């Protein structure tokens, strides 16, 4: 990645895998939140909600099943595990499963109807906290 500073200096630096996935996961969390709560961007995002929710779900699965499970006991491993599970739970109601295979369609629709609203709102609140933590950390890493 390259940056140009205010005094026209070019700074080039490379992102490692964890920073890239941290960015992807943070964007995915923010997309879930933007598609779940009333805001000016929600109508625009709804045009592609099914695809965006699926990508966010997959990022959540990667976050908890791969990164989080490999680093349990460490701060960021625990954070990845928890935020990944929250991403999966909060993206499920956003999925558009009309054209999915019947088994997957039934599983997702069962979750969508069975999950109590209060639990969903609590998970969204916790996801917002995780998104803030990830965003703050990425900003701090890139400002140094």
N, C-alpha and C. Protein backbone atom coordinates (compact mmCIF):
# COMPACT_ATOMS: atom_id res chain seq x y z
N UNK A 1 0.85 -1.16 0.00
CA UNK A 1 0.00 0.00 0.00
C UNK A 1 0.90 1.22 0.00
N UNK A 2 0.46 2.27 -0.66
CA UNK A 2 1.24 3.50 -0.73
C UNK A 2 0.42 4.67 -0.20
N UNK A 3 1.07 5.55 0.52
CA UNK A 3 0.45 6.76 1.03
C UNK A 3 1.31 7.95 0.64
N UNK A 4 0.65 9.06 0.41
CA UNK A 4 1.37 10.31 0.18
C UNK A 4 1.05 11.22 1.35
N UNK A 5 2.08 11.66 2.04
CA UNK A 5 1.90 12.51 3.22
C UNK A 5 1.60 13.93 2.78
N UNK A 6 1.14 14.79 3.71
CA UNK A 6 0.85 16.18 3.35
C UNK A 6 2.04 16.94 2.76
N UNK A 7 3.27 16.54 3.12
CA UNK A 7 4.44 17.21 2.55
C UNK A 7 4.99 16.44 1.35
N UNK A 8 4.11 15.68 0.66
CA UNK A 8 4.39 14.98 -0.60
C UNK A 8 5.46 13.90 -0.52
N UNK A 9 5.60 13.27 0.62
CA UNK A 9 6.49 12.12 0.74
C UNK A 9 5.69 10.86 0.44
N UNK A 10 6.28 9.98 -0.34
CA UNK A 10 5.63 8.71 -0.66
C UNK A 10 6.09 7.66 0.34
N UNK A 11 5.13 7.04 1.00
CA UNK A 11 5.43 5.98 1.96
C UNK A 11 4.81 4.70 1.43
N UNK A 12 5.61 3.67 1.28
CA UNK A 12 5.13 2.38 0.81
C UNK A 12 5.34 1.37 1.93
N UNK A 13 4.29 0.63 2.23
CA UNK A 13 4.43 -0.41 3.23
C UNK A 13 3.55 -1.59 2.84
N UNK A 14 3.91 -2.74 3.35
CA UNK A 14 3.17 -3.96 3.03
C UNK A 14 2.30 -4.35 4.22
N UNK A 15 1.13 -4.84 3.90
CA UNK A 15 0.23 -5.36 4.93
C UNK A 15 0.44 -6.85 5.06
N UNK A 16 0.45 -7.35 6.28
CA UNK A 16 0.55 -8.79 6.44
C UNK A 16 -0.86 -9.41 6.42
N UNK A 17 -0.90 -10.73 6.43
CA UNK A 17 -2.18 -11.44 6.32
C UNK A 17 -3.15 -11.06 7.42
N UNK A 18 -2.68 -10.90 8.64
CA UNK A 18 -3.56 -10.57 9.75
C UNK A 18 -4.16 -9.18 9.60
N UNK A 19 -3.38 -8.22 9.09
CA UNK A 19 -3.91 -6.88 8.88
C UNK A 19 -4.96 -6.88 7.77
N UNK A 20 -4.70 -7.63 6.70
CA UNK A 20 -5.66 -7.70 5.60
C UNK A 20 -6.96 -8.33 6.08
N UNK A 21 -6.86 -9.46 6.78
CA UNK A 21 -8.08 -10.11 7.27
C UNK A 21 -8.75 -9.27 8.35
N UNK A 22 -7.99 -8.54 9.14
CA UNK A 22 -8.58 -7.62 10.11
C UNK A 22 -9.41 -6.56 9.43
N UNK A 23 -8.89 -6.06 8.31
CA UNK A 23 -9.63 -5.07 7.52
C UNK A 23 -10.90 -5.69 6.93
N UNK A 24 -10.78 -6.88 6.34
CA UNK A 24 -11.94 -7.57 5.74
C UNK A 24 -13.00 -7.84 6.80
N UNK A 25 -12.58 -8.32 7.95
CA UNK A 25 -13.52 -8.64 9.03
C UNK A 25 -14.19 -7.37 9.55
N UNK A 26 -13.42 -6.30 9.69
CA UNK A 26 -13.99 -5.03 10.17
C UNK A 26 -15.03 -4.50 9.20
N UNK A 27 -14.70 -4.51 7.91
CA UNK A 27 -15.66 -4.06 6.90
C UNK A 27 -16.90 -4.94 6.92
N UNK A 28 -16.72 -6.24 7.07
CA UNK A 28 -17.85 -7.16 7.12
C UNK A 28 -18.75 -6.87 8.33
N UNK A 29 -18.14 -6.61 9.48
CA UNK A 29 -18.93 -6.28 10.67
C UNK A 29 -19.72 -4.99 10.45
N UNK A 30 -19.06 -4.00 9.86
CA UNK A 30 -19.74 -2.73 9.60
C UNK A 30 -20.88 -2.91 8.60
N UNK A 31 -20.69 -3.74 7.58
CA UNK A 31 -21.76 -4.00 6.62
C UNK A 31 -22.96 -4.67 7.30
N UNK A 32 -22.70 -5.64 8.16
CA UNK A 32 -23.80 -6.29 8.89
C UNK A 32 -24.57 -5.25 9.69
N UNK A 33 -23.84 -4.39 10.40
CA UNK A 33 -24.51 -3.37 11.20
C UNK A 33 -25.29 -2.39 10.33
N UNK A 34 -24.72 -1.97 9.21
CA UNK A 34 -25.40 -1.04 8.32
C UNK A 34 -26.65 -1.64 7.68
N UNK A 35 -26.64 -2.94 7.44
CA UNK A 35 -27.81 -3.60 6.86
C UNK A 35 -28.85 -3.96 7.92
N UNK A 36 -28.49 -3.89 9.20
CA UNK A 36 -29.39 -4.34 10.26
C UNK A 36 -30.11 -3.23 11.00
N UNK A 37 -29.56 -2.04 10.98
CA UNK A 37 -30.18 -0.93 11.72
C UNK A 37 -30.57 0.18 10.75
N UNK A 38 -31.61 0.95 11.09
CA UNK A 38 -32.02 2.05 10.21
C UNK A 38 -30.90 3.08 10.05
N UNK A 39 -30.60 3.41 8.80
CA UNK A 39 -29.60 4.42 8.48
C UNK A 39 -29.77 4.81 7.02
N UNK A 40 -29.16 5.91 6.59
CA UNK A 40 -29.35 6.37 5.21
C UNK A 40 -28.80 5.40 4.15
N UNK A 41 -27.81 4.58 4.47
CA UNK A 41 -27.23 3.67 3.49
C UNK A 41 -27.99 2.35 3.35
N UNK A 42 -28.89 2.08 4.26
CA UNK A 42 -29.56 0.79 4.29
C UNK A 42 -30.31 0.48 2.99
N UNK A 43 -31.04 1.44 2.46
CA UNK A 43 -31.80 1.20 1.23
C UNK A 43 -30.87 0.87 0.07
N UNK A 44 -29.74 1.55 0.00
CA UNK A 44 -28.77 1.30 -1.07
C UNK A 44 -28.14 -0.09 -0.92
N UNK A 45 -27.81 -0.47 0.31
CA UNK A 45 -27.20 -1.77 0.56
C UNK A 45 -28.17 -2.92 0.35
N UNK A 46 -29.47 -2.68 0.51
CA UNK A 46 -30.45 -3.75 0.35
C UNK A 46 -30.51 -4.30 -1.06
N UNK A 47 -30.04 -3.53 -2.03
CA UNK A 47 -30.01 -4.02 -3.42
C UNK A 47 -29.12 -5.24 -3.55
N UNK A 48 -28.10 -5.33 -2.73
CA UNK A 48 -27.14 -6.44 -2.77
C UNK A 48 -27.04 -7.14 -1.42
N UNK A 49 -28.10 -7.05 -0.63
CA UNK A 49 -28.07 -7.57 0.73
C UNK A 49 -27.74 -9.06 0.80
N UNK A 50 -28.33 -9.85 -0.07
CA UNK A 50 -28.09 -11.30 -0.03
C UNK A 50 -26.63 -11.64 -0.22
N UNK A 51 -26.00 -11.01 -1.23
CA UNK A 51 -24.58 -11.29 -1.50
C UNK A 51 -23.68 -10.74 -0.40
N UNK A 52 -23.96 -9.51 0.04
CA UNK A 52 -23.13 -8.91 1.09
C UNK A 52 -23.24 -9.71 2.39
N UNK A 53 -24.45 -10.14 2.72
CA UNK A 53 -24.64 -10.93 3.94
C UNK A 53 -23.92 -12.27 3.85
N UNK A 54 -23.94 -12.88 2.66
CA UNK A 54 -23.23 -14.15 2.50
C UNK A 54 -21.73 -13.96 2.66
N UNK A 55 -21.17 -12.90 2.06
CA UNK A 55 -19.73 -12.63 2.23
C UNK A 55 -19.40 -12.35 3.69
N UNK A 56 -20.27 -11.61 4.38
CA UNK A 56 -20.05 -11.32 5.79
C UNK A 56 -20.12 -12.60 6.63
N UNK A 57 -21.07 -13.48 6.30
CA UNK A 57 -21.18 -14.76 6.99
C UNK A 57 -19.90 -15.58 6.80
N UNK A 58 -19.41 -15.64 5.57
CA UNK A 58 -18.18 -16.39 5.29
C UNK A 58 -16.98 -15.79 6.02
N UNK A 59 -16.91 -14.47 6.09
CA UNK A 59 -15.83 -13.83 6.85
C UNK A 59 -15.94 -14.18 8.33
N UNK A 60 -17.17 -14.24 8.84
CA UNK A 60 -17.38 -14.63 10.23
C UNK A 60 -16.97 -16.06 10.50
N UNK A 61 -17.32 -16.95 9.56
CA UNK A 61 -16.92 -18.36 9.70
C UNK A 61 -15.40 -18.46 9.71
N UNK A 62 -14.74 -17.76 8.79
CA UNK A 62 -13.27 -17.77 8.78
C UNK A 62 -12.74 -17.23 10.10
N UNK A 63 -13.34 -16.16 10.59
CA UNK A 63 -12.83 -15.50 11.79
C UNK A 63 -12.88 -16.43 13.01
N UNK A 64 -14.00 -17.11 13.21
CA UNK A 64 -14.05 -17.96 14.40
C UNK A 64 -13.49 -19.35 14.16
N UNK A 65 -13.72 -19.93 12.98
CA UNK A 65 -13.32 -21.33 12.77
C UNK A 65 -11.84 -21.46 12.45
N UNK A 66 -11.27 -20.48 11.80
CA UNK A 66 -9.85 -20.59 11.43
C UNK A 66 -8.98 -19.79 12.38
N UNK A 67 -9.08 -18.48 12.32
CA UNK A 67 -8.18 -17.64 13.11
C UNK A 67 -8.46 -17.76 14.61
N UNK A 68 -9.73 -17.62 14.97
CA UNK A 68 -10.07 -17.66 16.39
C UNK A 68 -9.74 -18.98 17.05
N UNK A 69 -10.08 -20.08 16.39
CA UNK A 69 -9.86 -21.39 17.01
C UNK A 69 -8.37 -21.73 17.10
N UNK A 70 -7.56 -21.17 16.20
CA UNK A 70 -6.12 -21.44 16.26
C UNK A 70 -5.41 -20.61 17.33
N UNK A 71 -6.04 -19.52 17.76
CA UNK A 71 -5.37 -18.61 18.69
C UNK A 71 -6.19 -18.40 19.97
N UNK A 72 -7.00 -19.39 20.33
CA UNK A 72 -7.76 -19.27 21.59
C UNK A 72 -6.79 -19.13 22.75
N UNK A 73 -7.14 -18.29 23.68
CA UNK A 73 -6.28 -18.03 24.84
C UNK A 73 -5.49 -16.75 24.67
N UNK A 74 -5.29 -16.31 23.44
CA UNK A 74 -4.66 -15.01 23.18
C UNK A 74 -5.77 -13.98 23.02
N UNK A 75 -5.46 -12.72 23.27
CA UNK A 75 -6.48 -11.68 23.19
C UNK A 75 -7.16 -11.66 21.84
N UNK A 76 -6.36 -11.57 20.75
CA UNK A 76 -6.97 -11.46 19.42
C UNK A 76 -7.57 -12.77 18.95
N UNK A 77 -7.11 -13.87 19.45
CA UNK A 77 -7.76 -15.15 19.13
C UNK A 77 -9.14 -15.22 19.75
N UNK A 78 -9.24 -14.82 21.01
CA UNK A 78 -10.54 -14.78 21.67
C UNK A 78 -11.47 -13.77 21.00
N UNK A 79 -10.92 -12.61 20.66
CA UNK A 79 -11.73 -11.58 19.99
C UNK A 79 -12.22 -12.09 18.63
N UNK A 80 -11.36 -12.79 17.90
CA UNK A 80 -11.76 -13.33 16.60
C UNK A 80 -12.83 -14.40 16.75
N UNK A 81 -12.70 -15.24 17.75
CA UNK A 81 -13.68 -16.30 17.97
C UNK A 81 -15.04 -15.70 18.30
N UNK A 82 -15.06 -14.76 19.23
CA UNK A 82 -16.33 -14.15 19.66
C UNK A 82 -16.94 -13.32 18.53
N UNK A 83 -16.13 -12.45 17.90
CA UNK A 83 -16.69 -11.61 16.84
C UNK A 83 -17.12 -12.44 15.64
N UNK A 84 -16.41 -13.51 15.36
CA UNK A 84 -16.80 -14.38 14.25
C UNK A 84 -18.14 -15.04 14.49
N UNK A 85 -18.36 -15.55 15.70
CA UNK A 85 -19.66 -16.13 16.03
C UNK A 85 -20.76 -15.08 15.94
N UNK A 86 -20.48 -13.88 16.45
CA UNK A 86 -21.47 -12.80 16.36
C UNK A 86 -21.77 -12.44 14.91
N UNK A 87 -20.75 -12.45 14.05
CA UNK A 87 -20.96 -12.16 12.63
C UNK A 87 -21.87 -13.21 11.99
N UNK A 88 -21.66 -14.46 12.33
CA UNK A 88 -22.50 -15.53 11.78
C UNK A 88 -23.94 -15.35 12.25
N UNK A 89 -24.14 -15.16 13.55
CA UNK A 89 -25.50 -15.04 14.09
C UNK A 89 -26.23 -13.82 13.54
N UNK A 90 -25.53 -12.69 13.41
CA UNK A 90 -26.20 -11.46 12.98
C UNK A 90 -26.36 -11.37 11.46
N UNK A 91 -25.58 -12.12 10.71
CA UNK A 91 -25.75 -12.08 9.24
C UNK A 91 -26.82 -13.06 8.77
N UNK A 92 -27.14 -14.07 9.56
CA UNK A 92 -28.14 -15.07 9.16
C UNK A 92 -29.50 -14.45 8.80
N UNK A 93 -30.04 -13.53 9.60
CA UNK A 93 -31.34 -12.95 9.23
C UNK A 93 -31.29 -12.10 7.95
N UNK A 94 -30.11 -11.71 7.53
CA UNK A 94 -29.97 -10.86 6.33
C UNK A 94 -29.87 -11.67 5.04
N UNK A 95 -29.65 -12.97 5.16
CA UNK A 95 -29.44 -13.80 3.98
C UNK A 95 -30.72 -13.92 3.16
N UNK A 96 -30.57 -13.91 1.85
CA UNK A 96 -31.67 -14.15 0.91
C UNK A 96 -31.49 -15.56 0.38
N UNK A 97 -32.29 -16.50 0.86
CA UNK A 97 -32.06 -17.91 0.58
C UNK A 97 -33.03 -18.50 -0.44
N UNK A 98 -33.72 -17.66 -1.19
CA UNK A 98 -34.74 -18.14 -2.13
C UNK A 98 -34.20 -19.18 -3.12
N UNK A 99 -32.98 -18.98 -3.60
CA UNK A 99 -32.43 -19.85 -4.63
C UNK A 99 -31.41 -20.85 -4.08
N UNK A 100 -31.35 -21.01 -2.79
CA UNK A 100 -30.41 -21.93 -2.17
C UNK A 100 -30.94 -23.36 -2.22
N UNK A 101 -30.07 -24.36 -2.07
CA UNK A 101 -30.54 -25.75 -1.96
C UNK A 101 -31.49 -25.89 -0.77
N UNK A 102 -32.45 -26.81 -0.88
CA UNK A 102 -33.52 -26.89 0.12
C UNK A 102 -33.03 -27.14 1.54
N UNK A 103 -31.99 -27.95 1.71
CA UNK A 103 -31.50 -28.25 3.06
C UNK A 103 -30.95 -26.99 3.72
N UNK A 104 -30.09 -26.26 3.00
CA UNK A 104 -29.53 -25.03 3.55
C UNK A 104 -30.62 -23.98 3.75
N UNK A 105 -31.52 -23.90 2.79
CA UNK A 105 -32.62 -22.95 2.86
C UNK A 105 -33.45 -23.19 4.12
N UNK A 106 -33.77 -24.44 4.40
CA UNK A 106 -34.56 -24.79 5.58
C UNK A 106 -33.81 -24.44 6.87
N UNK A 107 -32.52 -24.73 6.91
CA UNK A 107 -31.72 -24.43 8.11
C UNK A 107 -31.72 -22.92 8.40
N UNK A 108 -31.45 -22.13 7.37
CA UNK A 108 -31.37 -20.67 7.56
C UNK A 108 -32.75 -20.11 7.92
N UNK A 109 -33.79 -20.56 7.23
CA UNK A 109 -35.13 -20.05 7.52
C UNK A 109 -35.59 -20.44 8.93
N UNK A 110 -35.20 -21.61 9.38
CA UNK A 110 -35.53 -22.03 10.75
C UNK A 110 -34.87 -21.09 11.75
N UNK A 111 -33.60 -20.77 11.52
CA UNK A 111 -32.90 -19.83 12.42
C UNK A 111 -33.56 -18.46 12.35
N UNK A 112 -33.87 -18.01 11.13
CA UNK A 112 -34.44 -16.67 10.96
C UNK A 112 -35.76 -16.52 11.72
N UNK A 113 -36.54 -17.56 11.81
CA UNK A 113 -37.83 -17.46 12.51
C UNK A 113 -37.72 -17.81 13.99
N UNK A 114 -36.75 -18.63 14.37
CA UNK A 114 -36.66 -19.10 15.75
C UNK A 114 -35.89 -18.16 16.67
N UNK A 115 -34.99 -17.36 16.13
CA UNK A 115 -34.15 -16.50 16.97
C UNK A 115 -34.97 -15.35 17.56
N UNK A 116 -35.03 -15.24 18.88
CA UNK A 116 -35.77 -14.13 19.51
C UNK A 116 -35.14 -12.78 19.13
N UNK A 117 -35.98 -11.79 18.90
CA UNK A 117 -35.51 -10.45 18.49
C UNK A 117 -34.56 -9.85 19.52
N UNK A 118 -34.85 -10.03 20.79
CA UNK A 118 -33.98 -9.45 21.83
C UNK A 118 -32.58 -10.04 21.76
N UNK A 119 -32.48 -11.32 21.49
CA UNK A 119 -31.17 -11.96 21.34
C UNK A 119 -30.43 -11.40 20.13
N UNK A 120 -31.16 -11.19 19.05
CA UNK A 120 -30.56 -10.61 17.84
C UNK A 120 -30.04 -9.19 18.12
N UNK A 121 -30.84 -8.39 18.83
CA UNK A 121 -30.41 -7.02 19.13
C UNK A 121 -29.21 -6.99 20.08
N UNK A 122 -29.18 -7.90 21.03
CA UNK A 122 -28.01 -7.99 21.92
C UNK A 122 -26.76 -8.40 21.14
N UNK A 123 -26.92 -9.33 20.20
CA UNK A 123 -25.79 -9.74 19.37
C UNK A 123 -25.32 -8.59 18.48
N UNK A 124 -26.24 -7.79 17.96
CA UNK A 124 -25.85 -6.62 17.16
C UNK A 124 -25.10 -5.60 18.01
N UNK A 125 -25.53 -5.41 19.25
CA UNK A 125 -24.84 -4.50 20.15
C UNK A 125 -23.42 -4.98 20.43
N UNK A 126 -23.29 -6.28 20.72
CA UNK A 126 -21.96 -6.85 20.96
C UNK A 126 -21.10 -6.76 19.70
N UNK A 127 -21.70 -6.97 18.53
CA UNK A 127 -20.96 -6.85 17.27
C UNK A 127 -20.48 -5.42 17.05
N UNK A 128 -21.29 -4.45 17.43
CA UNK A 128 -20.87 -3.05 17.30
C UNK A 128 -19.65 -2.77 18.18
N UNK A 129 -19.61 -3.35 19.37
CA UNK A 129 -18.45 -3.19 20.25
C UNK A 129 -17.21 -3.83 19.60
N UNK A 130 -17.38 -5.03 19.04
CA UNK A 130 -16.26 -5.71 18.36
C UNK A 130 -15.78 -4.90 17.17
N UNK A 131 -16.71 -4.36 16.39
CA UNK A 131 -16.34 -3.56 15.21
C UNK A 131 -15.56 -2.32 15.63
N UNK A 132 -15.98 -1.70 16.72
CA UNK A 132 -15.26 -0.53 17.22
C UNK A 132 -13.85 -0.90 17.67
N UNK A 133 -13.71 -2.02 18.35
CA UNK A 133 -12.39 -2.49 18.79
C UNK A 133 -11.48 -2.76 17.59
N UNK A 134 -11.99 -3.48 16.60
CA UNK A 134 -11.21 -3.78 15.40
C UNK A 134 -10.83 -2.50 14.65
N UNK A 135 -11.80 -1.60 14.45
CA UNK A 135 -11.54 -0.36 13.71
C UNK A 135 -10.51 0.50 14.44
N UNK A 136 -10.67 0.63 15.75
CA UNK A 136 -9.72 1.42 16.54
C UNK A 136 -8.31 0.84 16.42
N UNK A 137 -8.21 -0.47 16.51
CA UNK A 137 -6.90 -1.12 16.43
C UNK A 137 -6.27 -0.94 15.05
N UNK A 138 -7.07 -1.09 14.00
CA UNK A 138 -6.53 -0.90 12.64
C UNK A 138 -6.06 0.54 12.43
N UNK A 139 -6.81 1.49 12.96
CA UNK A 139 -6.40 2.89 12.85
C UNK A 139 -5.09 3.11 13.59
N UNK A 140 -4.99 2.57 14.80
CA UNK A 140 -3.76 2.72 15.58
C UNK A 140 -2.56 2.08 14.89
N UNK A 141 -2.76 0.89 14.32
CA UNK A 141 -1.68 0.21 13.62
C UNK A 141 -1.18 0.99 12.41
N UNK A 142 -2.12 1.62 11.71
CA UNK A 142 -1.75 2.32 10.49
C UNK A 142 -1.29 3.74 10.71
N UNK A 143 -1.52 4.29 11.89
CA UNK A 143 -1.02 5.63 12.18
C UNK A 143 0.41 5.61 12.70
N UNK A 144 0.85 4.47 13.19
CA UNK A 144 2.22 4.39 13.74
C UNK A 144 3.24 4.29 12.69
